[in-house]
Amino acid sequence: AREHVAALGRCGLAPGEIDTVVLGCTH
């Protein structure tokens, strides 16, 4: 989980950051 989340890049509310994440597997 740590590896895959880190691979997304910067997350947050600032411009250029990911603010929404889709969980595309029911697990």
mmCIF file of all heavy atoms, coordinates in Angstrom:
data_MODEL
# 
_entry.id   MODEL 
# 
loop_
_atom_site.group_PDB 
_atom_site.id 
_atom_site.type_symbol 
_atom_site.label_atom_id 
_atom_site.label_alt_id 
_atom_site.label_comp_id 
_atom_site.label_asym_id 
_atom_site.label_entity_id 
_atom_site.label_seq_id 
_atom_site.pdbx_PDB_ins_code 
_atom_site.Cartn_x 
_atom_site.Cartn_y 
_atom_site.Cartn_z 
_atom_site.occupancy 
_atom_site.B_iso_or_equiv 
_atom_site.pdbx_formal_charge 
_atom_site.auth_seq_id 
_atom_site.auth_comp_id 
_atom_site.auth_asym_id 
_atom_site.auth_atom_id 
_atom_site.pdbx_PDB_model_num 
ATOM 1   N N   . ALA A 1 1  ? 0.839   -1.200  0.000  1.00 0.00 ? 1  ALA A N   1 
ATOM 2   C CA  . ALA A 1 1  ? 0.000   0.000   0.000  1.00 0.00 ? 1  ALA A CA  1 
ATOM 3   C C   . ALA A 1 1  ? 0.874   1.250   0.000  1.00 0.00 ? 1  ALA A C   1 
ATOM 4   O O   . ALA A 1 1  ? 0.626   2.209   -0.749 1.00 0.00 ? 1  ALA A O   1 
ATOM 5   C CB  . ALA A 1 1  ? -0.933  -0.013  1.206  1.00 0.00 ? 1  ALA A CB  1 
ATOM 6   N N   . ARG A 1 2  ? 1.915   1.236   0.805  1.00 0.00 ? 2  ARG A N   1 
ATOM 7   C CA  . ARG A 1 2  ? 2.833   2.383   0.871  1.00 0.00 ? 2  ARG A CA  1 
ATOM 8   C C   . ARG A 1 2  ? 3.515   2.598   -0.488 1.00 0.00 ? 2  ARG A C   1 
ATOM 9   O O   . ARG A 1 2  ? 3.628   3.728   -0.974 1.00 0.00 ? 2  ARG A O   1 
ATOM 10  C CB  . ARG A 1 2  ? 3.867   2.142   1.965  1.00 0.00 ? 2  ARG A CB  1 
ATOM 11  C CG  . ARG A 1 2  ? 4.732   3.357   2.287  1.00 0.00 ? 2  ARG A CG  1 
ATOM 12  C CD  . ARG A 1 2  ? 5.695   3.062   3.427  1.00 0.00 ? 2  ARG A CD  1 
ATOM 13  N NE  . ARG A 1 2  ? 4.981   2.668   4.645  1.00 0.00 ? 2  ARG A NE  1 
ATOM 14  C CZ  . ARG A 1 2  ? 5.001   1.441   5.164  1.00 0.00 ? 2  ARG A CZ  1 
ATOM 15  N NH1 . ARG A 1 2  ? 5.717   0.475   4.574  1.00 0.00 ? 2  ARG A NH1 1 
ATOM 16  N NH2 . ARG A 1 2  ? 4.339   1.175   6.264  1.00 0.00 ? 2  ARG A NH2 1 
ATOM 17  N N   . GLU A 1 3  ? 3.956   1.508   -1.098 1.00 0.00 ? 3  GLU A N   1 
ATOM 18  C CA  . GLU A 1 3  ? 4.651   1.602   -2.393 1.00 0.00 ? 3  GLU A CA  1 
ATOM 19  C C   . GLU A 1 3  ? 3.733   2.162   -3.475 1.00 0.00 ? 3  GLU A C   1 
ATOM 20  O O   . GLU A 1 3  ? 4.122   3.065   -4.234 1.00 0.00 ? 3  GLU A O   1 
ATOM 21  C CB  . GLU A 1 3  ? 5.141   0.207   -2.800 1.00 0.00 ? 3  GLU A CB  1 
ATOM 22  C CG  . GLU A 1 3  ? 5.723   0.123   -4.198 1.00 0.00 ? 3  GLU A CG  1 
ATOM 23  C CD  . GLU A 1 3  ? 5.989   -1.310  -4.634 1.00 0.00 ? 3  GLU A CD  1 
ATOM 24  O OE1 . GLU A 1 3  ? 6.132   -2.193  -3.755 1.00 0.00 ? 3  GLU A OE1 1 
ATOM 25  O OE2 . GLU A 1 3  ? 6.048   -1.553  -5.851 1.00 0.00 ? 3  GLU A OE2 1 
ATOM 26  N N   . HIS A 1 4  ? 2.512   1.636   -3.553 1.00 0.00 ? 4  HIS A N   1 
ATOM 27  C CA  . HIS A 1 4  ? 1.622   2.042   -4.642 1.00 0.00 ? 4  HIS A CA  1 
ATOM 28  C C   . HIS A 1 4  ? 1.085   3.457   -4.440 1.00 0.00 ? 4  HIS A C   1 
ATOM 29  O O   . HIS A 1 4  ? 0.930   4.203   -5.417 1.00 0.00 ? 4  HIS A O   1 
ATOM 30  C CB  . HIS A 1 4  ? 0.482   1.030   -4.773 1.00 0.00 ? 4  HIS A CB  1 
ATOM 31  C CG  . HIS A 1 4  ? 0.941   -0.322  -5.211 1.00 0.00 ? 4  HIS A CG  1 
ATOM 32  N ND1 . HIS A 1 4  ? 1.774   -0.522  -6.294 1.00 0.00 ? 4  HIS A ND1 1 
ATOM 33  C CD2 . HIS A 1 4  ? 0.689   -1.566  -4.711 1.00 0.00 ? 4  HIS A CD2 1 
ATOM 34  C CE1 . HIS A 1 4  ? 2.018   -1.817  -6.447 1.00 0.00 ? 4  HIS A CE1 1 
ATOM 35  N NE2 . HIS A 1 4  ? 1.361   -2.471  -5.494 1.00 0.00 ? 4  HIS A NE2 1 
ATOM 36  N N   . VAL A 1 5  ? 0.795   3.833   -3.211 1.00 0.00 ? 5  VAL A N   1 
ATOM 37  C CA  . VAL A 1 5  ? 0.340   5.203   -2.959 1.00 0.00 ? 5  VAL A CA  1 
ATOM 38  C C   . VAL A 1 5  ? 1.459   6.193   -3.270 1.00 0.00 ? 5  VAL A C   1 
ATOM 39  O O   . VAL A 1 5  ? 1.235   7.241   -3.886 1.00 0.00 ? 5  VAL A O   1 
ATOM 40  C CB  . VAL A 1 5  ? -0.158  5.353   -1.508 1.00 0.00 ? 5  VAL A CB  1 
ATOM 41  C CG1 . VAL A 1 5  ? -0.312  6.825   -1.136 1.00 0.00 ? 5  VAL A CG1 1 
ATOM 42  C CG2 . VAL A 1 5  ? -1.489  4.624   -1.328 1.00 0.00 ? 5  VAL A CG2 1 
ATOM 43  N N   . ALA A 1 6  ? 2.678   5.872   -2.862 1.00 0.00 ? 6  ALA A N   1 
ATOM 44  C CA  . ALA A 1 6  ? 3.804   6.761   -3.138 1.00 0.00 ? 6  ALA A CA  1 
ATOM 45  C C   . ALA A 1 6  ? 4.004   6.962   -4.636 1.00 0.00 ? 6  ALA A C   1 
ATOM 46  O O   . ALA A 1 6  ? 4.387   8.054   -5.091 1.00 0.00 ? 6  ALA A O   1 
ATOM 47  C CB  . ALA A 1 6  ? 5.072   6.201   -2.495 1.00 0.00 ? 6  ALA A CB  1 
ATOM 48  N N   . ALA A 1 7  ? 3.729   5.902   -5.419 1.00 0.00 ? 7  ALA A N   1 
ATOM 49  C CA  . ALA A 1 7  ? 3.934   5.982   -6.862 1.00 0.00 ? 7  ALA A CA  1 
ATOM 50  C C   . ALA A 1 7  ? 2.963   6.946   -7.544 1.00 0.00 ? 7  ALA A C   1 
ATOM 51  O O   . ALA A 1 7  ? 3.217   7.389   -8.672 1.00 0.00 ? 7  ALA A O   1 
ATOM 52  C CB  . ALA A 1 7  ? 3.806   4.592   -7.478 1.00 0.00 ? 7  ALA A CB  1 
ATOM 53  N N   . LEU A 1 8  ? 1.851   7.269   -6.880 1.00 0.00 ? 8  LEU A N   1 
ATOM 54  C CA  . LEU A 1 8  ? 0.905   8.219   -7.471 1.00 0.00 ? 8  LEU A CA  1 
ATOM 55  C C   . LEU A 1 8  ? 1.499   9.625   -7.556 1.00 0.00 ? 8  LEU A C   1 
ATOM 56  O O   . LEU A 1 8  ? 1.126   10.412  -8.414 1.00 0.00 ? 8  LEU A O   1 
ATOM 57  C CB  . LEU A 1 8  ? -0.386  8.275   -6.641 1.00 0.00 ? 8  LEU A CB  1 
ATOM 58  C CG  . LEU A 1 8  ? -1.299  7.053   -6.684 1.00 0.00 ? 8  LEU A CG  1 
ATOM 59  C CD1 . LEU A 1 8  ? -2.472  7.255   -5.729 1.00 0.00 ? 8  LEU A CD1 1 
ATOM 60  C CD2 . LEU A 1 8  ? -1.805  6.788   -8.099 1.00 0.00 ? 8  LEU A CD2 1 
ATOM 61  N N   . GLY A 1 9  ? 2.379   9.957   -6.634 1.00 0.00 ? 9  GLY A N   1 
ATOM 62  C CA  . GLY A 1 9  ? 2.926   11.303  -6.582 1.00 0.00 ? 9  GLY A CA  1 
ATOM 63  C C   . GLY A 1 9  ? 2.283   12.121  -5.479 1.00 0.00 ? 9  GLY A C   1 
ATOM 64  O O   . GLY A 1 9  ? 1.660   11.583  -4.567 1.00 0.00 ? 9  GLY A O   1 
ATOM 65  N N   . ARG A 1 10 ? 2.423   13.429  -5.560 1.00 0.00 ? 10 ARG A N   1 
ATOM 66  C CA  . ARG A 1 10 ? 1.954   14.314  -4.489 1.00 0.00 ? 10 ARG A CA  1 
ATOM 67  C C   . ARG A 1 10 ? 0.426   14.334  -4.417 1.00 0.00 ? 10 ARG A C   1 
ATOM 68  O O   . ARG A 1 10 ? -0.258  14.464  -5.439 1.00 0.00 ? 10 ARG A O   1 
ATOM 69  C CB  . ARG A 1 10 ? 2.478   15.737  -4.706 1.00 0.00 ? 10 ARG A CB  1 
ATOM 70  C CG  . ARG A 1 10 ? 3.992   15.859  -4.547 1.00 0.00 ? 10 ARG A CG  1 
ATOM 71  C CD  . ARG A 1 10 ? 4.465   17.300  -4.645 1.00 0.00 ? 10 ARG A CD  1 
ATOM 72  N NE  . ARG A 1 10 ? 4.116   17.875  -5.941 1.00 0.00 ? 10 ARG A NE  1 
ATOM 73  C CZ  . ARG A 1 10 ? 3.361   18.966  -6.104 1.00 0.00 ? 10 ARG A CZ  1 
ATOM 74  N NH1 . ARG A 1 10 ? 2.863   19.585  -5.061 1.00 0.00 ? 10 ARG A NH1 1 
ATOM 75  N NH2 . ARG A 1 10 ? 3.129   19.426  -7.316 1.00 0.00 ? 10 ARG A NH2 1 
ATOM 76  N N   . CYS A 1 11 ? -0.070  14.205  -3.186 1.00 0.00 ? 11 CYS A N   1 
ATOM 77  C CA  . CYS A 1 11 ? -1.517  14.202  -2.955 1.00 0.00 ? 11 CYS A CA  1 
ATOM 78  C C   . CYS A 1 11 ? -1.872  15.323  -1.990 1.00 0.00 ? 11 CYS A C   1 
ATOM 79  O O   . CYS A 1 11 ? -1.154  15.584  -1.020 1.00 0.00 ? 11 CYS A O   1 
ATOM 80  C CB  . CYS A 1 11 ? -1.964  12.862  -2.369 1.00 0.00 ? 11 CYS A CB  1 
ATOM 81  S SG  . CYS A 1 11 ? -1.742  11.458  -3.480 1.00 0.00 ? 11 CYS A SG  1 
ATOM 82  N N   . GLY A 1 12 ? -2.975  15.977  -2.253 1.00 0.00 ? 12 GLY A N   1 
ATOM 83  C CA  . GLY A 1 12 ? -3.426  17.068  -1.400 1.00 0.00 ? 12 GLY A CA  1 
ATOM 84  C C   . GLY A 1 12 ? -4.330  18.000  -2.173 1.00 0.00 ? 12 GLY A C   1 
ATOM 85  O O   . GLY A 1 12 ? -4.865  17.631  -3.230 1.00 0.00 ? 12 GLY A O   1 
ATOM 86  N N   . LEU A 1 13 ? -4.509  19.214  -1.687 1.00 0.00 ? 13 LEU A N   1 
ATOM 87  C CA  . LEU A 1 13 ? -5.446  20.163  -2.278 1.00 0.00 ? 13 LEU A CA  1 
ATOM 88  C C   . LEU A 1 13 ? -4.772  21.271  -3.076 1.00 0.00 ? 13 LEU A C   1 
ATOM 89  O O   . LEU A 1 13 ? -5.452  22.107  -3.678 1.00 0.00 ? 13 LEU A O   1 
ATOM 90  C CB  . LEU A 1 13 ? -6.304  20.794  -1.175 1.00 0.00 ? 13 LEU A CB  1 
ATOM 91  C CG  . LEU A 1 13 ? -7.151  19.810  -0.350 1.00 0.00 ? 13 LEU A CG  1 
ATOM 92  C CD1 . LEU A 1 13 ? -7.918  20.561  0.736  1.00 0.00 ? 13 LEU A CD1 1 
ATOM 93  C CD2 . LEU A 1 13 ? -8.112  19.029  -1.244 1.00 0.00 ? 13 LEU A CD2 1 
ATOM 94  N N   . ALA A 1 14 ? -3.448  21.280  -3.098 1.00 0.00 ? 14 ALA A N   1 
ATOM 95  C CA  . ALA A 1 14 ? -2.732  22.324  -3.828 1.00 0.00 ? 14 ALA A CA  1 
ATOM 96  C C   . ALA A 1 14 ? -2.795  22.052  -5.334 1.00 0.00 ? 14 ALA A C   1 
ATOM 97  O O   . ALA A 1 14 ? -2.966  20.913  -5.765 1.00 0.00 ? 14 ALA A O   1 
ATOM 98  C CB  . ALA A 1 14 ? -1.279  22.391  -3.366 1.00 0.00 ? 14 ALA A CB  1 
ATOM 99  N N   . PRO A 1 15 ? -2.666  23.090  -6.148 1.00 0.00 ? 15 PRO A N   1 
ATOM 100 C CA  . PRO A 1 15 ? -2.655  22.886  -7.600 1.00 0.00 ? 15 PRO A CA  1 
ATOM 101 C C   . PRO A 1 15 ? -1.586  21.870  -8.013 1.00 0.00 ? 15 PRO A C   1 
ATOM 102 O O   . PRO A 1 15 ? -0.465  21.891  -7.510 1.00 0.00 ? 15 PRO A O   1 
ATOM 103 C CB  . PRO A 1 15 ? -2.322  24.286  -8.136 1.00 0.00 ? 15 PRO A CB  1 
ATOM 104 C CG  . PRO A 1 15 ? -2.825  25.219  -7.087 1.00 0.00 ? 15 PRO A CG  1 
ATOM 105 C CD  . PRO A 1 15 ? -2.571  24.519  -5.784 1.00 0.00 ? 15 PRO A CD  1 
ATOM 106 N N   . GLY A 1 16 ? -1.976  20.966  -8.898 1.00 0.00 ? 16 GLY A N   1 
ATOM 107 C CA  . GLY A 1 16 ? -1.062  19.931  -9.362 1.00 0.00 ? 16 GLY A CA  1 
ATOM 108 C C   . GLY A 1 16 ? -1.026  18.695  -8.501 1.00 0.00 ? 16 GLY A C   1 
ATOM 109 O O   . GLY A 1 16 ? -0.386  17.700  -8.863 1.00 0.00 ? 16 GLY A O   1 
ATOM 110 N N   . GLU A 1 17 ? -1.703  18.708  -7.340 1.00 0.00 ? 17 GLU A N   1 
ATOM 111 C CA  . GLU A 1 17 ? -1.732  17.545  -6.458 1.00 0.00 ? 17 GLU A CA  1 
ATOM 112 C C   . GLU A 1 17 ? -2.989  16.714  -6.707 1.00 0.00 ? 17 GLU A C   1 
ATOM 113 O O   . GLU A 1 17 ? -4.028  17.233  -7.137 1.00 0.00 ? 17 GLU A O   1 
ATOM 114 C CB  . GLU A 1 17 ? -1.676  17.981  -4.986 1.00 0.00 ? 17 GLU A CB  1 
ATOM 115 C CG  . GLU A 1 17 ? -0.351  18.603  -4.594 1.00 0.00 ? 17 GLU A CG  1 
ATOM 116 C CD  . GLU A 1 17 ? -0.286  18.955  -3.118 1.00 0.00 ? 17 GLU A CD  1 
ATOM 117 O OE1 . GLU A 1 17 ? -1.355  19.168  -2.498 1.00 0.00 ? 17 GLU A OE1 1 
ATOM 118 O OE2 . GLU A 1 17 ? 0.838   19.037  -2.582 1.00 0.00 ? 17 GLU A OE2 1 
ATOM 119 N N   . ILE A 1 18 ? -2.894  15.429  -6.423 1.00 0.00 ? 18 ILE A N   1 
ATOM 120 C CA  . ILE A 1 18 ? -4.044  14.519  -6.530 1.00 0.00 ? 18 ILE A CA  1 
ATOM 121 C C   . ILE A 1 18 ? -4.930  14.722  -5.302 1.00 0.00 ? 18 ILE A C   1 
ATOM 122 O O   . ILE A 1 18 ? -4.480  14.533  -4.175 1.00 0.00 ? 18 ILE A O   1 
ATOM 123 C CB  . ILE A 1 18 ? -3.571  13.060  -6.617 1.00 0.00 ? 18 ILE A CB  1 
ATOM 124 C CG1 . ILE A 1 18 ? -2.844  12.807  -7.937 1.00 0.00 ? 18 ILE A CG1 1 
ATOM 125 C CG2 . ILE A 1 18 ? -4.740  12.095  -6.451 1.00 0.00 ? 18 ILE A CG2 1 
ATOM 126 C CD1 . ILE A 1 18 ? -2.147  11.460  -8.005 1.00 0.00 ? 18 ILE A CD1 1 
ATOM 127 N N   . ASP A 1 19 ? -6.174  15.108  -5.532 1.00 0.00 ? 19 ASP A N   1 
ATOM 128 C CA  . ASP A 1 19 ? -7.079  15.303  -4.397 1.00 0.00 ? 19 ASP A CA  1 
ATOM 129 C C   . ASP A 1 19 ? -8.179  14.246  -4.328 1.00 0.00 ? 19 ASP A C   1 
ATOM 130 O O   . ASP A 1 19 ? -8.974  14.229  -3.390 1.00 0.00 ? 19 ASP A O   1 
ATOM 131 C CB  . ASP A 1 19 ? -7.707  16.700  -4.428 1.00 0.00 ? 19 ASP A CB  1 
ATOM 132 C CG  . ASP A 1 19 ? -8.737  16.870  -5.534 1.00 0.00 ? 19 ASP A CG  1 
ATOM 133 O OD1 . ASP A 1 19 ? -8.739  16.058  -6.492 1.00 0.00 ? 19 ASP A OD1 1 
ATOM 134 O OD2 . ASP A 1 19 ? -9.548  17.812  -5.437 1.00 0.00 ? 19 ASP A OD2 1 
ATOM 135 N N   . THR A 1 20 ? -8.213  13.348  -5.317 1.00 0.00 ? 20 THR A N   1 
ATOM 136 C CA  . THR A 1 20 ? -9.240  12.304  -5.378 1.00 0.00 ? 20 THR A CA  1 
ATOM 137 C C   . THR A 1 20 ? -8.586  11.030  -5.889 1.00 0.00 ? 20 THR A C   1 
ATOM 138 O O   . THR A 1 20 ? -7.833  11.073  -6.865 1.00 0.00 ? 20 THR A O   1 
ATOM 139 C CB  . THR A 1 20 ? -10.389 12.706  -6.316 1.00 0.00 ? 20 THR A CB  1 
ATOM 140 O OG1 . THR A 1 20 ? -10.902 13.993  -5.917 1.00 0.00 ? 20 THR A OG1 1 
ATOM 141 C CG2 . THR A 1 20 ? -11.516 11.693  -6.279 1.00 0.00 ? 20 THR A CG2 1 
ATOM 142 N N   . VAL A 1 21 ? -8.884  9.910   -5.228 1.00 0.00 ? 21 VAL A N   1 
ATOM 143 C CA  . VAL A 1 21 ? -8.311  8.623   -5.638 1.00 0.00 ? 21 VAL A CA  1 
ATOM 144 C C   . VAL A 1 21 ? -9.435  7.607   -5.817 1.00 0.00 ? 21 VAL A C   1 
ATOM 145 O O   . VAL A 1 21 ? -10.286 7.422   -4.935 1.00 0.00 ? 21 VAL A O   1 
ATOM 146 C CB  . VAL A 1 21 ? -7.290  8.109   -4.599 1.00 0.00 ? 21 VAL A CB  1 
ATOM 147 C CG1 . VAL A 1 21 ? -6.864  6.674   -4.915 1.00 0.00 ? 21 VAL A CG1 1 
ATOM 148 C CG2 . VAL A 1 21 ? -6.072  9.019   -4.568 1.00 0.00 ? 21 VAL A CG2 1 
ATOM 149 N N   . VAL A 1 22 ? -9.438  6.959   -6.976 1.00 0.00 ? 22 VAL A N   1 
ATOM 150 C CA  . VAL A 1 22 ? -10.403 5.916   -7.297 1.00 0.00 ? 22 VAL A CA  1 
ATOM 151 C C   . VAL A 1 22 ? -9.854  4.569   -6.846 1.00 0.00 ? 22 VAL A C   1 
ATOM 152 O O   . VAL A 1 22 ? -8.718  4.216   -7.179 1.00 0.00 ? 22 VAL A O   1 
ATOM 153 C CB  . VAL A 1 22 ? -10.680 5.882   -8.813 1.00 0.00 ? 22 VAL A CB  1 
ATOM 154 C CG1 . VAL A 1 22 ? -11.608 4.717   -9.166 1.00 0.00 ? 22 VAL A CG1 1 
ATOM 155 C CG2 . VAL A 1 22 ? -11.266 7.203   -9.280 1.00 0.00 ? 22 VAL A CG2 1 
ATOM 156 N N   . LEU A 1 23 ? -10.658 3.822   -6.099 1.00 0.00 ? 23 LEU A N   1 
ATOM 157 C CA  . LEU A 1 23 ? -10.305 2.459   -5.714 1.00 0.00 ? 23 LEU A CA  1 
ATOM 158 C C   . LEU A 1 23 ? -10.907 1.526   -6.755 1.00 0.00 ? 23 LEU A C   1 
ATOM 159 O O   . LEU A 1 23 ? -12.090 1.206   -6.718 1.00 0.00 ? 23 LEU A O   1 
ATOM 160 C CB  . LEU A 1 23 ? -10.818 2.146   -4.312 1.00 0.00 ? 23 LEU A CB  1 
ATOM 161 C CG  . LEU A 1 23 ? -10.342 3.098   -3.205 1.00 0.00 ? 23 LEU A CG  1 
ATOM 162 C CD1 . LEU A 1 23 ? -10.846 2.638   -1.843 1.00 0.00 ? 23 LEU A CD1 1 
ATOM 163 C CD2 . LEU A 1 23 ? -8.829  3.227   -3.203 1.00 0.00 ? 23 LEU A CD2 1 
ATOM 164 N N   . GLY A 1 24 ? -10.070 1.086   -7.700 1.00 0.00 ? 24 GLY A N   1 
ATOM 165 C CA  . GLY A 1 24 ? -10.546 0.335   -8.848 1.00 0.00 ? 24 GLY A CA  1 
ATOM 166 C C   . GLY A 1 24 ? -10.485 -1.169  -8.692 1.00 0.00 ? 24 GLY A C   1 
ATOM 167 O O   . GLY A 1 24 ? -10.473 -1.897  -9.683 1.00 0.00 ? 24 GLY A O   1 
ATOM 168 N N   . CYS A 1 25 ? -10.453 -1.650  -7.464 1.00 0.00 ? 25 CYS A N   1 
ATOM 169 C CA  . CYS A 1 25 ? -10.497 -3.086  -7.168 1.00 0.00 ? 25 CYS A CA  1 
ATOM 170 C C   . CYS A 1 25 ? -11.314 -3.247  -5.892 1.00 0.00 ? 25 CYS A C   1 
ATOM 171 O O   . CYS A 1 25 ? -11.116 -2.485  -4.932 1.00 0.00 ? 25 CYS A O   1 
ATOM 172 C CB  . CYS A 1 25 ? -9.094  -3.646  -6.988 1.00 0.00 ? 25 CYS A CB  1 
ATOM 173 S SG  . CYS A 1 25 ? -9.037  -5.360  -6.370 1.00 0.00 ? 25 CYS A SG  1 
ATOM 174 N N   . THR A 1 26 ? -12.208 -4.225  -5.865 1.00 0.00 ? 26 THR A N   1 
ATOM 175 C CA  . THR A 1 26 ? -13.089 -4.366  -4.701 1.00 0.00 ? 26 THR A CA  1 
ATOM 176 C C   . THR A 1 26 ? -12.340 -4.804  -3.450 1.00 0.00 ? 26 THR A C   1 
ATOM 177 O O   . THR A 1 26 ? -12.877 -4.686  -2.343 1.00 0.00 ? 26 THR A O   1 
ATOM 178 C CB  . THR A 1 26 ? -14.226 -5.361  -4.988 1.00 0.00 ? 26 THR A CB  1 
ATOM 179 O OG1 . THR A 1 26 ? -13.680 -6.623  -5.422 1.00 0.00 ? 26 THR A OG1 1 
ATOM 180 C CG2 . THR A 1 26 ? -15.159 -4.815  -6.062 1.00 0.00 ? 26 THR A CG2 1 
ATOM 181 N N   . HIS A 1 27 ? -11.127 -5.293  -3.579 1.00 0.00 ? 27 HIS A N   1 
ATOM 182 C CA  . HIS A 1 27 ? -10.336 -5.617  -2.390 1.00 0.00 ? 27 HIS A CA  1 
ATOM 183 C C   . HIS A 1 27 ? -9.906  -4.352  -1.640 1.00 0.00 ? 27 HIS A C   1 
ATOM 184 O O   . HIS A 1 27 ? -9.784  -4.371  -0.415 1.00 0.00 ? 27 HIS A O   1 
ATOM 185 C CB  . HIS A 1 27 ? -9.076  -6.410  -2.773 1.00 0.00 ? 27 HIS A CB  1 
ATOM 186 C CG  . HIS A 1 27 ? -9.311  -7.866  -3.036 1.00 0.00 ? 27 HIS A CG  1 
ATOM 187 N ND1 . HIS A 1 27 ? -9.948  -8.323  -4.162 1.00 0.00 ? 27 HIS A ND1 1 
ATOM 188 C CD2 . HIS A 1 27 ? -8.980  -8.972  -2.311 1.00 0.00 ? 27 HIS A CD2 1 
ATOM 189 C CE1 . HIS A 1 27 ? -9.992  -9.639  -4.127 1.00 0.00 ? 27 HIS A CE1 1 
ATOM 190 N NE2 . HIS A 1 27 ? -9.418  -10.056 -3.015 1.00 0.00 ? 27 HIS A NE2 1 
# 
